[in-house]
Amino acid sequence: MRIAVTGAGGFCGSHVVRAAVAAGHHVLCYGRRPGPAGRHVPWDATTGEPDFTGADAVVHCAAAVADLPPGTAAEARQHAVNVTGTERLLRAAGDRPLAWVSSASVYDPRLGRGSVQEHHPTEAGHLNAYGRTKAAGERLALAAGAVVLRPRAVYGPGDPHLVPRLLERVRHGRLLLPGGDVRLSLTAVQNLADACLSAVGAGRTGDRPWTPVAYNIADARPYRRDEAIRAVLAAHGVSARIHHVPAPLARLAARTGRLPGLTPYAVDQLSRSVVLDLSRARSQGWRPHRDLDDFLRGTARTPPETPGARTP
């Protein structure tokens, strides 16, 4: 197949490109930066429609990702990419099989998420502009007949967000976490890439495209938050003691801006259990093959340049 991948120069998109090439497909890499393989087709999601001539299927990974409070000026760019950019993409994709990468951030956080199925509300309650614009974008994608994938906390080789931000939080051998230990779904980027290809009928098993609805995508089992964080720190050669901050106090600090970088969204993501039910994706034949242990085994034990971090 000839597969068009948007955001091919980004974290998730680059892994989709590698997985597609490894499976023997030809790849067209759409975005401002080239992908790791395939032919680069320049495209800015905020301007113009991509030309998908010759593509058999489309995987849309391009997104504006940032934890912005509602109403900020920067929210306009997130809307331009995640919503208006989706409108352009859908017109260009036509009736091609399309996998639209969303996020579990679309789920309303005011309701329990101990076992989240895809019918969990997504219309309101979002704690930042990212969740709100991704929810709006995926509604357009679903209405157009796309397969929508909802991963949570994507990590893996080249991760620019999750692990680096965690390591930056270590100060003087301590890591402050909001609330007590909880269960959390995480998503290895390779599991997401496999789901993207399977969703458009380009997976390793050669299955037909998935039914065009939303699907949760995550590792096979949820993790205990503190255990997972300790494992990540150890793999990076960082010695730190975890201290639990009462969740109400952490939420107050986030609302008042007393701790720079701490937001209501970050507190919610770390202090409340969020476990994705994978039954719907499994019903399509998809199985997650990677987990956090795989990632950590391949992580060099090199201490990062983190303020206040100590190495053993």
C-alpha atoms as a PDB file:
ATOM      1  CA  MET A   1       0.000   0.000   0.000  1.00  0.00           C
ATOM      2  CA  ARG A   2       0.917   3.660  -0.358  1.00  0.00           C
ATOM      3  CA  ILE A   3       0.226   5.234   3.022  1.00  0.00           C
ATOM      4  CA  ALA A   4       0.105   8.969   3.700  1.00  0.00           C
ATOM      5  CA  VAL A   5       1.221   9.867   7.231  1.00  0.00           C
ATOM      6  CA  THR A   6       0.670  13.405   8.498  1.00  0.00           C
ATOM      7  CA  GLY A   7       2.940  14.719  11.216  1.00  0.00           C
ATOM      8  CA  ALA A   8       5.500  12.209   9.957  1.00  0.00           C
ATOM      9  CA  GLY A   9       8.384  14.188  11.442  1.00  0.00           C
ATOM     10  CA  GLY A  10       6.888  14.106  14.936  1.00  0.00           C
ATOM     11  CA  PHE A  11       7.138  11.531  17.698  1.00  0.00           C
ATOM     12  CA  CYS A  12       4.099   9.361  16.918  1.00  0.00           C
ATOM     13  CA  GLY A  13       4.143   9.964  13.176  1.00  0.00           C
ATOM     14  CA  SER A  14       7.778   8.934  12.814  1.00  0.00           C
ATOM     15  CA  HIS A  15       7.058   5.601  14.484  1.00  0.00           C
ATOM     16  CA  VAL A  16       4.081   5.018  12.178  1.00  0.00           C
ATOM     17  CA  VAL A  17       6.391   5.669   9.213  1.00  0.00           C
ATOM     18  CA  ARG A  18       8.979   3.185  10.483  1.00  0.00           C
ATOM     19  CA  ALA A  19       6.338   0.543  11.145  1.00  0.00           C
ATOM     20  CA  ALA A  20       4.817   1.021   7.681  1.00  0.00           C
ATOM     21  CA  VAL A  21       8.188   0.714   5.949  1.00  0.00           C
ATOM     22  CA  ALA A  22       9.042  -2.373   8.012  1.00  0.00           C
ATOM     23  CA  ALA A  23       5.744  -3.913   6.857  1.00  0.00           C
ATOM     24  CA  GLY A  24       6.704  -3.318   3.212  1.00  0.00           C
ATOM     25  CA  HIS A  25       4.526  -0.296   2.465  1.00  0.00           C
ATOM     26  CA  HIS A  26       5.433   2.887   0.595  1.00  0.00           C
ATOM     27  CA  VAL A  27       5.100   6.036   2.699  1.00  0.00           C
ATOM     28  CA  LEU A  28       4.317   9.650   1.877  1.00  0.00           C
ATOM     29  CA  CYS A  29       5.388  11.884   4.775  1.00  0.00           C
ATOM     30  CA  TYR A  30       3.254  15.009   5.179  1.00  0.00           C
ATOM     31  CA  GLY A  31       4.327  17.812   7.491  1.00  0.00           C
ATOM     32  CA  ARG A  32       6.692  20.686   8.008  1.00  0.00           C
ATOM     33  CA  ARG A  33       9.593  18.296   8.608  1.00  0.00           C
ATOM     34  CA  PRO A  34      10.569  15.126   6.719  1.00  0.00           C
ATOM     35  CA  GLY A  35       9.851  11.763   8.256  1.00  0.00           C
ATOM     36  CA  PRO A  36      12.506   9.128   9.003  1.00  0.00           C
ATOM     37  CA  ALA A  37      11.844   7.420   5.647  1.00  0.00           C
ATOM     38  CA  GLY A  38       9.647   7.778   2.573  1.00  0.00           C
ATOM     39  CA  ARG A  39       8.990  10.867   0.440  1.00  0.00           C
ATOM     40  CA  HIS A  40       8.494  14.205   2.168  1.00  0.00           C
ATOM     41  CA  VAL A  41       5.438  16.222   1.101  1.00  0.00           C
ATOM     42  CA  PRO A  42       5.494  19.677   2.754  1.00  0.00           C
ATOM     43  CA  TRP A  43       2.213  20.520   4.481  1.00  0.00           C
ATOM     44  CA  ASP A  44       1.224  22.908   7.265  1.00  0.00           C
ATOM     45  CA  ALA A  45      -2.021  21.839   8.960  1.00  0.00           C
ATOM     46  CA  THR A  46      -2.974  25.491   9.444  1.00  0.00           C
ATOM     47  CA  THR A  47      -2.933  26.318   5.724  1.00  0.00           C
ATOM     48  CA  GLY A  48      -4.192  24.550   2.639  1.00  0.00           C
ATOM     49  CA  GLU A  49      -5.341  21.027   1.931  1.00  0.00           C
ATOM     50  CA  PRO A  50      -2.847  18.180   1.538  1.00  0.00           C
ATOM     51  CA  ASP A  51      -2.680  16.471  -1.840  1.00  0.00           C
ATOM     52  CA  PHE A  52      -3.156  12.753  -1.253  1.00  0.00           C
ATOM     53  CA  THR A  53      -2.966  11.788  -4.913  1.00  0.00           C
ATOM     54  CA  GLY A  54      -1.635   8.241  -5.156  1.00  0.00           C
ATOM     55  CA  ALA A  55      -2.229   7.395  -1.494  1.00  0.00           C
ATOM     56  CA  ASP A  56      -4.316   4.326  -0.659  1.00  0.00           C
ATOM     57  CA  ALA A  57      -4.852   5.258   3.003  1.00  0.00           C
ATOM     58  CA  VAL A  58      -4.161   8.088   5.428  1.00  0.00           C
ATOM     59  CA  VAL A  59      -2.899   8.097   9.024  1.00  0.00           C
ATOM     60  CA  HIS A  60      -3.351  11.510  10.647  1.00  0.00           C
ATOM     61  CA  CYS A  61      -0.859  12.109  13.467  1.00  0.00           C
ATOM     62  CA  ALA A  62      -0.345  15.859  13.040  1.00  0.00           C
ATOM     63  CA  ALA A  63      -1.536  17.756  16.121  1.00  0.00           C
ATOM     64  CA  ALA A  64      -0.824  20.806  18.249  1.00  0.00           C
ATOM     65  CA  VAL A  65       0.050  19.336  21.652  1.00  0.00           C
ATOM     66  CA  ALA A  66       0.387  21.554  24.721  1.00  0.00           C
ATOM     67  CA  ASP A  67      -1.182  21.807  28.165  1.00  0.00           C
ATOM     68  CA  LEU A  68      -2.725  25.252  27.784  1.00  0.00           C
ATOM     69  CA  PRO A  69      -5.361  26.682  30.109  1.00  0.00           C
ATOM     70  CA  PRO A  70      -8.709  27.492  28.484  1.00  0.00           C
ATOM     71  CA  GLY A  71      -8.961  30.920  26.899  1.00  0.00           C
ATOM     72  CA  THR A  72      -5.258  31.547  26.233  1.00  0.00           C
ATOM     73  CA  ALA A  73      -4.129  33.161  22.997  1.00  0.00           C
ATOM     74  CA  ALA A  74      -2.161  30.039  22.083  1.00  0.00           C
ATOM     75  CA  GLU A  75      -5.414  28.076  22.056  1.00  0.00           C
ATOM     76  CA  ALA A  76      -6.162  29.606  18.657  1.00  0.00           C
ATOM     77  CA  ARG A  77      -3.259  27.686  17.125  1.00  0.00           C
ATOM     78  CA  GLN A  78      -4.438  24.437  18.695  1.00  0.00           C
ATOM     79  CA  HIS A  79      -7.858  25.024  17.184  1.00  0.00           C
ATOM     80  CA  ALA A  80      -6.302  25.853  13.801  1.00  0.00           C
ATOM     81  CA  VAL A  81      -4.404  22.542  13.747  1.00  0.00           C
ATOM     82  CA  ASN A  82      -6.667  20.149  15.646  1.00  0.00           C
ATOM     83  CA  VAL A  83     -10.041  21.347  14.363  1.00  0.00           C
ATOM     84  CA  THR A  84      -9.696  23.481  11.217  1.00  0.00           C
ATOM     85  CA  GLY A  85      -6.762  21.365  10.069  1.00  0.00           C
ATOM     86  CA  THR A  86      -8.948  18.287  10.462  1.00  0.00           C
ATOM     87  CA  GLU A  87     -11.593  19.832   8.217  1.00  0.00           C
ATOM     88  CA  ARG A  88      -8.945  20.337   5.502  1.00  0.00           C
ATOM     89  CA  LEU A  89      -7.610  16.840   5.968  1.00  0.00           C
ATOM     90  CA  LEU A  90     -11.035  15.206   5.688  1.00  0.00           C
ATOM     91  CA  ARG A  91     -11.840  17.011   2.448  1.00  0.00           C
ATOM     92  CA  ALA A  92      -8.523  15.882   0.974  1.00  0.00           C
ATOM     93  CA  ALA A  93      -8.774  12.287   2.186  1.00  0.00           C
ATOM     94  CA  GLY A  94     -12.100  11.679   0.486  1.00  0.00           C
ATOM     95  CA  ASP A  95     -13.213   8.070   0.854  1.00  0.00           C
ATOM     96  CA  ARG A  96      -9.743   6.652   1.614  1.00  0.00           C
ATOM     97  CA  PRO A  97      -9.381   4.602   4.813  1.00  0.00           C
ATOM     98  CA  LEU A  98      -8.361   7.089   7.493  1.00  0.00           C
ATOM     99  CA  ALA A  99      -6.980   6.619  11.005  1.00  0.00           C
ATOM    100  CA  TRP A 100      -7.259   9.820  13.057  1.00  0.00           C
ATOM    101  CA  VAL A 101      -5.049   9.814  16.155  1.00  0.00           C
ATOM    102  CA  SER A 102      -6.888  11.401  19.055  1.00  0.00           C
ATOM    103  CA  SER A 103      -6.206  11.170  22.796  1.00  0.00           C
ATOM    104  CA  ALA A 104      -7.762   9.868  25.985  1.00  0.00           C
ATOM    105  CA  SER A 105      -7.667  13.534  27.054  1.00  0.00           C
ATOM    106  CA  VAL A 106     -11.034  13.882  25.302  1.00  0.00           C
ATOM    107  CA  TYR A 107     -12.770  11.994  28.138  1.00  0.00           C
ATOM    108  CA  ASP A 108     -14.718  14.080  30.652  1.00  0.00           C
ATOM    109  CA  PRO A 109     -12.562  14.037  33.815  1.00  0.00           C
ATOM    110  CA  ARG A 110     -15.484  14.802  36.113  1.00  0.00           C
ATOM    111  CA  LEU A 111     -16.647  11.184  35.860  1.00  0.00           C
ATOM    112  CA  GLY A 112     -14.849   8.085  37.112  1.00  0.00           C
ATOM    113  CA  ARG A 113     -12.312   6.613  34.696  1.00  0.00           C
ATOM    114  CA  GLY A 114     -11.308   3.451  36.510  1.00  0.00           C
ATOM    115  CA  SER A 115     -12.400   1.425  33.467  1.00  0.00           C
ATOM    116  CA  VAL A 116     -13.064   3.790  30.564  1.00  0.00           C
ATOM    117  CA  GLN A 117     -15.010   2.564  27.568  1.00  0.00           C
ATOM    118  CA  GLU A 118     -15.395   4.547  24.364  1.00  0.00           C
ATOM    119  CA  HIS A 119     -18.925   5.686  25.209  1.00  0.00           C
ATOM    120  CA  HIS A 120     -17.585   7.745  28.150  1.00  0.00           C
ATOM    121  CA  PRO A 121     -18.682  11.395  27.590  1.00  0.00           C
ATOM    122  CA  THR A 122     -16.321  13.618  25.601  1.00  0.00           C
ATOM    123  CA  GLU A 123     -18.422  16.742  25.078  1.00  0.00           C
ATOM    124  CA  ALA A 124     -17.436  18.806  28.142  1.00  0.00           C
ATOM    125  CA  GLY A 125     -15.337  19.084  31.297  1.00  0.00           C
ATOM    126  CA  HIS A 126     -11.920  19.300  29.604  1.00  0.00           C
ATOM    127  CA  LEU A 127      -9.203  20.832  31.745  1.00  0.00           C
ATOM    128  CA  ASN A 128      -7.221  22.386  28.911  1.00  0.00           C
ATOM    129  CA  ALA A 129      -7.480  23.524  25.319  1.00  0.00           C
ATOM    130  CA  TYR A 130      -5.807  20.385  24.013  1.00  0.00           C
ATOM    131  CA  GLY A 131      -8.539  18.071  25.293  1.00  0.00           C
ATOM    132  CA  ARG A 132     -11.253  20.399  24.062  1.00  0.00           C
ATOM    133  CA  THR A 133      -9.824  20.848  20.539  1.00  0.00           C
ATOM    134  CA  LYS A 134      -9.020  17.156  20.134  1.00  0.00           C
ATOM    135  CA  ALA A 135     -12.586  16.286  21.130  1.00  0.00           C
ATOM    136  CA  ALA A 136     -13.929  18.756  18.553  1.00  0.00           C
ATOM    137  CA  GLY A 137     -11.605  17.413  15.875  1.00  0.00           C
ATOM    138  CA  GLU A 138     -12.473  13.797  16.466  1.00  0.00           C
ATOM    139  CA  ARG A 139     -16.201  14.548  16.256  1.00  0.00           C
ATOM    140  CA  LEU A 140     -15.551  15.800  12.722  1.00  0.00           C
ATOM    141  CA  ALA A 141     -13.461  12.718  11.938  1.00  0.00           C
ATOM    142  CA  LEU A 142     -16.088  10.293  13.235  1.00  0.00           C
ATOM    143  CA  ALA A 143     -18.836  12.055  11.284  1.00  0.00           C
ATOM    144  CA  ALA A 144     -16.726  11.649   8.138  1.00  0.00           C
ATOM    145  CA  GLY A 145     -16.280   7.899   8.674  1.00  0.00           C
ATOM    146  CA  ALA A 146     -12.724   7.837  10.062  1.00  0.00           C
ATOM    147  CA  VAL A 147     -11.340   5.389  12.604  1.00  0.00           C
ATOM    148  CA  VAL A 148     -10.450   7.382  15.734  1.00  0.00           C
ATOM    149  CA  LEU A 149      -7.720   6.080  18.047  1.00  0.00           C
ATOM    150  CA  ARG A 150      -7.503   7.266  21.666  1.00  0.00           C
ATOM    151  CA  PRO A 151      -4.126   6.485  23.251  1.00  0.00           C
ATOM    152  CA  ARG A 152      -3.133   7.666  26.716  1.00  0.00           C
ATOM    153  CA  ALA A 153       0.294   8.942  27.820  1.00  0.00           C
ATOM    154  CA  VAL A 154       2.292   7.794  24.791  1.00  0.00           C
ATOM    155  CA  TYR A 155       5.936   6.961  25.543  1.00  0.00           C
ATOM    156  CA  GLY A 156       8.851   5.324  23.777  1.00  0.00           C
ATOM    157  CA  PRO A 157      12.105   6.030  21.926  1.00  0.00           C
ATOM    158  CA  GLY A 158      12.317   9.718  21.063  1.00  0.00           C
ATOM    159  CA  ASP A 159       9.564  10.722  23.508  1.00  0.00           C
ATOM    160  CA  PRO A 160       9.688  14.550  23.726  1.00  0.00           C
ATOM    161  CA  HIS A 161       7.044  14.974  26.411  1.00  0.00           C
ATOM    162  CA  LEU A 162       6.236  12.343  29.020  1.00  0.00           C
ATOM    163  CA  VAL A 163       9.572  11.070  30.344  1.00  0.00           C
ATOM    164  CA  PRO A 164      11.509  14.343  29.898  1.00  0.00           C
ATOM    165  CA  ARG A 165       8.895  16.248  31.914  1.00  0.00           C
ATOM    166  CA  LEU A 166       8.986  13.613  34.630  1.00  0.00           C
ATOM    167  CA  LEU A 167      12.759  13.829  34.924  1.00  0.00           C
ATOM    168  CA  GLU A 168      12.615  17.627  35.034  1.00  0.00           C
ATOM    169  CA  ARG A 169      10.406  17.388  38.125  1.00  0.00           C
ATOM    170  CA  VAL A 170      13.134  15.803  40.225  1.00  0.00           C
ATOM    171  CA  ARG A 171      14.550  18.378  42.638  1.00  0.00           C
ATOM    172  CA  HIS A 172      17.275  17.673  45.194  1.00  0.00           C
ATOM    173  CA  GLY A 173      16.588  13.947  45.174  1.00  0.00           C
ATOM    174  CA  ARG A 174      12.824  14.365  45.609  1.00  0.00           C
ATOM    175  CA  LEU A 175       9.851  13.984  43.310  1.00  0.00           C
ATOM    176  CA  LEU A 176       6.513  15.434  44.413  1.00  0.00           C
ATOM    177  CA  LEU A 177       3.434  13.604  43.153  1.00  0.00           C
ATOM    178  CA  PRO A 178      -0.192  14.650  43.702  1.00  0.00           C
ATOM    179  CA  GLY A 179      -2.320  12.219  45.705  1.00  0.00           C
ATOM    180  CA  GLY A 180      -1.650   8.590  46.528  1.00  0.00           C
ATOM    181  CA  ASP A 181      -0.711   5.740  44.231  1.00  0.00           C
ATOM    182  CA  VAL A 182      -3.192   5.018  41.395  1.00  0.00           C
ATOM    183  CA  ARG A 183      -3.589   2.718  38.370  1.00  0.00           C
ATOM    184  CA  LEU A 184      -2.865   4.270  34.989  1.00  0.00           C
ATOM    185  CA  SER A 185      -2.951   3.168  31.370  1.00  0.00           C
ATOM    186  CA  LEU A 186       0.114   4.053  29.313  1.00  0.00           C
ATOM    187  CA  THR A 187       0.670   3.522  25.598  1.00  0.00           C
ATOM    188  CA  ALA A 188       3.931   2.372  24.019  1.00  0.00           C
ATOM    189  CA  VAL A 189       4.339   4.313  20.797  1.00  0.00           C
ATOM    190  CA  GLN A 190       4.947   1.058  18.907  1.00  0.00           C
ATOM    191  CA  ASN A 191       1.537  -0.229  20.055  1.00  0.00           C
ATOM    192  CA  LEU A 192      -0.057   2.954  18.732  1.00  0.00           C
ATOM    193  CA  ALA A 193       1.803   2.639  15.418  1.00  0.00           C
ATOM    194  CA  ASP A 194       0.616  -0.959  15.013  1.00  0.00           C
ATOM    195  CA  ALA A 195      -2.961   0.153  15.715  1.00  0.00           C
ATOM    196  CA  CYS A 196      -2.715   2.948  13.131  1.00  0.00           C
ATOM    197  CA  LEU A 197      -1.665   0.547  10.399  1.00  0.00           C
ATOM    198  CA  SER A 198      -4.190  -2.107  11.376  1.00  0.00           C
ATOM    199  CA  ALA A 199      -6.958   0.494  11.423  1.00  0.00           C
ATOM    200  CA  VAL A 200      -6.457   1.294   7.724  1.00  0.00           C
ATOM    201  CA  GLY A 201      -5.962  -2.331   6.675  1.00  0.00           C
ATOM    202  CA  ALA A 202      -2.160  -2.182   6.502  1.00  0.00           C
ATOM    203  CA  GLY A 203      -1.324  -4.233   9.591  1.00  0.00           C
ATOM    204  CA  ARG A 204       0.884  -7.276   9.782  1.00  0.00           C
ATOM    205  CA  THR A 205      -2.084  -9.622   9.444  1.00  0.00           C
ATOM    206  CA  GLY A 206      -3.445  -7.892   6.336  1.00  0.00           C
ATOM    207  CA  ASP A 207      -6.875  -7.375   7.889  1.00  0.00           C
ATOM    208  CA  ARG A 208      -9.508  -5.115   6.393  1.00  0.00           C
ATOM    209  CA  PRO A 209      -9.870  -1.561   7.773  1.00  0.00           C
ATOM    210  CA  TRP A 210     -11.515  -1.340  11.164  1.00  0.00           C
ATOM    211  CA  THR A 211     -15.124  -0.282  11.644  1.00  0.00           C
ATOM    212  CA  PRO A 212     -15.095   3.558  11.703  1.00  0.00           C
ATOM    213  CA  VAL A 213     -15.701   4.296  15.391  1.00  0.00           C
ATOM    214  CA  ALA A 214     -13.469   5.323  18.326  1.00  0.00           C
ATOM    215  CA  TYR A 215     -11.029   2.852  19.920  1.00  0.00           C
ATOM    216  CA  ASN A 216      -8.982   3.010  23.109  1.00  0.00           C
ATOM    217  CA  ILE A 217      -5.318   2.137  22.551  1.00  0.00           C
ATOM    218  CA  ALA A 218      -2.933   1.308  25.407  1.00  0.00           C
ATOM    219  CA  ASP A 219      -0.549  -1.306  26.734  1.00  0.00           C
ATOM    220  CA  ALA A 220      -2.044  -4.654  27.678  1.00  0.00           C
ATOM    221  CA  ARG A 221      -2.143  -3.926  31.390  1.00  0.00           C
ATOM    222  CA  PRO A 222      -2.364  -0.757  33.483  1.00  0.00           C
ATOM    223  CA  TYR A 223       0.527   0.254  35.720  1.00  0.00           C
ATOM    224  CA  ARG A 224       0.828   1.314  39.327  1.00  0.00           C
ATOM    225  CA  ARG A 225       1.868   4.949  39.062  1.00  0.00           C
ATOM    226  CA  ASP A 226       4.604   4.981  41.681  1.00  0.00           C
ATOM    227  CA  GLU A 227       6.100   1.654  40.591  1.00  0.00           C
ATOM    228  CA  ALA A 228       6.260   2.794  36.962  1.00  0.00           C
ATOM    229  CA  ILE A 229       7.829   6.134  37.873  1.00  0.00           C
ATOM    230  CA  ARG A 230      10.464   4.485  40.066  1.00  0.00           C
ATOM    231  CA  ALA A 231      11.345   2.151  37.190  1.00  0.00           C
ATOM    232  CA  VAL A 232      11.703   5.073  34.767  1.00  0.00           C
ATOM    233  CA  LEU A 233      13.899   7.009  37.178  1.00  0.00           C
ATOM    234  CA  ALA A 234      16.121   3.980  37.815  1.00  0.00           C
ATOM    235  CA  ALA A 235      16.501   3.291  34.085  1.00  0.00           C
ATOM    236  CA  HIS A 236      17.737   6.859  33.624  1.00  0.00           C
ATOM    237  CA  GLY A 237      20.154   6.648  36.531  1.00  0.00           C
ATOM    238  CA  VAL A 238      18.212   9.076  38.712  1.00  0.00           C
ATOM    239  CA  SER A 239      17.891   8.506  42.440  1.00  0.00           C
ATOM    240  CA  ALA A 240      14.863  10.251  43.906  1.00  0.00           C
ATOM    241  CA  ARG A 241      12.408   9.702  46.725  1.00  0.00           C
ATOM    242  CA  ILE A 242       8.703  10.057  45.915  1.00  0.00           C
ATOM    243  CA  HIS A 243       6.697  12.333  48.195  1.00  0.00           C
ATOM    244  CA  HIS A 244       2.897  12.387  48.021  1.00  0.00           C
ATOM    245  CA  VAL A 245       1.227  15.790  48.147  1.00  0.00           C
ATOM    246  CA  PRO A 246      -2.462  15.674  49.160  1.00  0.00           C
ATOM    247  CA  ALA A 247      -4.517  15.939  45.983  1.00  0.00           C
ATOM    248  CA  PRO A 248      -6.688  18.874  47.205  1.00  0.00           C
ATOM    249  CA  LEU A 249      -3.557  20.850  48.044  1.00  0.00           C
ATOM    250  CA  ALA A 250      -2.041  20.031  44.641  1.00  0.00           C
ATOM    251  CA  ARG A 251      -5.233  21.127  42.869  1.00  0.00           C
ATOM    252  CA  LEU A 252      -5.227  24.391  44.809  1.00  0.00           C
ATOM    253  CA  ALA A 253      -1.592  25.026  43.887  1.00  0.00           C
ATOM    254  CA  ALA A 254      -2.376  24.320  40.233  1.00  0.00           C
ATOM    255  CA  ARG A 255      -5.367  26.674  40.156  1.00  0.00           C
ATOM    256  CA  THR A 256      -3.462  29.505  41.801  1.00  0.00           C
ATOM    257  CA  GLY A 257      -0.241  29.038  39.839  1.00  0.00           C
ATOM    258  CA  ARG A 258       1.862  28.712  42.988  1.00  0.00           C
ATOM    259  CA  LEU A 259       3.971  25.947  41.476  1.00  0.00           C
ATOM    260  CA  PRO A 260       5.200  26.877  37.973  1.00  0.00           C
ATOM    261  CA  GLY A 261       4.332  24.249  35.400  1.00  0.00           C
ATOM    262  CA  LEU A 262       1.768  22.499  37.580  1.00  0.00           C
ATOM    263  CA  THR A 263      -1.652  22.622  35.932  1.00  0.00           C
ATOM    264  CA  PRO A 264      -5.100  21.240  36.797  1.00  0.00           C
ATOM    265  CA  TYR A 265      -4.749  18.838  33.872  1.00  0.00           C
ATOM    266  CA  ALA A 266      -1.392  17.510  35.130  1.00  0.00           C
ATOM    267  CA  VAL A 267      -2.780  17.005  38.634  1.00  0.00           C
ATOM    268  CA  ASP A 268      -5.807  15.157  37.256  1.00  0.00           C
ATOM    269  CA  GLN A 269      -3.685  12.906  35.041  1.00  0.00           C
ATOM    270  CA  LEU A 270      -1.427  11.883  37.920  1.00  0.00           C
ATOM    271  CA  SER A 271      -3.775  11.758  40.899  1.00  0.00           C
ATOM    272  CA  ARG A 272      -6.777   9.826  39.555  1.00  0.00           C
ATOM    273  CA  SER A 273      -6.933   6.319  38.138  1.00  0.00           C
ATOM    274  CA  VAL A 274      -7.413   6.279  34.364  1.00  0.00           C
ATOM    275  CA  VAL A 275      -7.575   2.794  32.872  1.00  0.00           C
ATOM    276  CA  LEU A 276      -8.661   2.294  29.265  1.00  0.00           C
ATOM    277  CA  ASP A 277     -10.834  -0.670  28.335  1.00  0.00           C
ATOM    278  CA  LEU A 278      -9.280  -2.219  25.201  1.00  0.00           C
ATOM    279  CA  SER A 279     -12.092  -4.636  24.361  1.00  0.00           C
ATOM    280  CA  ARG A 280     -13.237  -2.807  21.237  1.00  0.00           C
ATOM    281  CA  ALA A 281      -9.765  -2.659  19.654  1.00  0.00           C
ATOM    282  CA  ARG A 282      -9.117  -6.275  20.580  1.00  0.00           C
ATOM    283  CA  SER A 283     -12.341  -7.241  18.801  1.00  0.00           C
ATOM    284  CA  GLN A 284     -10.705  -6.028  15.572  1.00  0.00           C
ATOM    285  CA  GLY A 285      -7.796  -8.420  16.092  1.00  0.00           C
ATOM    286  CA  TRP A 286      -5.334  -5.843  17.436  1.00  0.00           C
ATOM    287  CA  ARG A 287      -3.068  -6.812  20.335  1.00  0.00           C
ATOM    288  CA  PRO A 288      -0.527  -4.611  22.163  1.00  0.00           C
ATOM    289  CA  HIS A 289       2.897  -6.246  21.913  1.00  0.00           C
ATOM    290  CA  ARG A 290       5.106  -3.731  23.760  1.00  0.00           C
ATOM    291  CA  ASP A 291       5.153  -2.545  27.356  1.00  0.00           C
ATOM    292  CA  LEU A 292       7.102  -0.296  29.687  1.00  0.00           C
ATOM    293  CA  ASP A 293       9.611  -3.033  30.543  1.00  0.00           C
ATOM    294  CA  ASP A 294      10.565  -3.317  26.863  1.00  0.00           C
ATOM    295  CA  PHE A 295      11.192   0.421  26.700  1.00  0.00           C
ATOM    296  CA  LEU A 296      13.219   0.548  29.901  1.00  0.00           C
ATOM    297  CA  ARG A 297      15.420  -2.379  28.875  1.00  0.00           C
ATOM    298  CA  GLY A 298      16.462  -0.343  25.858  1.00  0.00           C
ATOM    299  CA  THR A 299      17.041   2.863  27.824  1.00  0.00           C
ATOM    300  CA  ALA A 300      20.652   3.751  28.540  1.00  0.00           C
ATOM    301  CA  ARG A 301      21.363   4.395  32.183  1.00  0.00           C
ATOM    302  CA  THR A 302      22.766   7.836  31.447  1.00  0.00           C
ATOM    303  CA  PRO A 303      21.958  10.548  34.000  1.00  0.00           C
ATOM    304  CA  PRO A 304      20.054  13.398  32.303  1.00  0.00           C
ATOM    305  CA  GLU A 305      20.927  17.032  32.851  1.00  0.00           C
ATOM    306  CA  THR A 306      18.169  17.559  35.397  1.00  0.00           C
ATOM    307  CA  PRO A 307      18.404  20.322  38.025  1.00  0.00           C
ATOM    308  CA  GLY A 308      18.878  18.827  41.463  1.00  0.00           C
ATOM    309  CA  ALA A 309      18.957  15.218  40.246  1.00  0.00           C
ATOM    310  CA  ARG A 310      21.381  12.811  41.938  1.00  0.00           C
ATOM    311  CA  THR A 311      22.877   9.726  40.419  1.00  0.00           C
ATOM    312  CA  PRO A 312      23.510   6.570  42.457  1.00  0.00           C
END
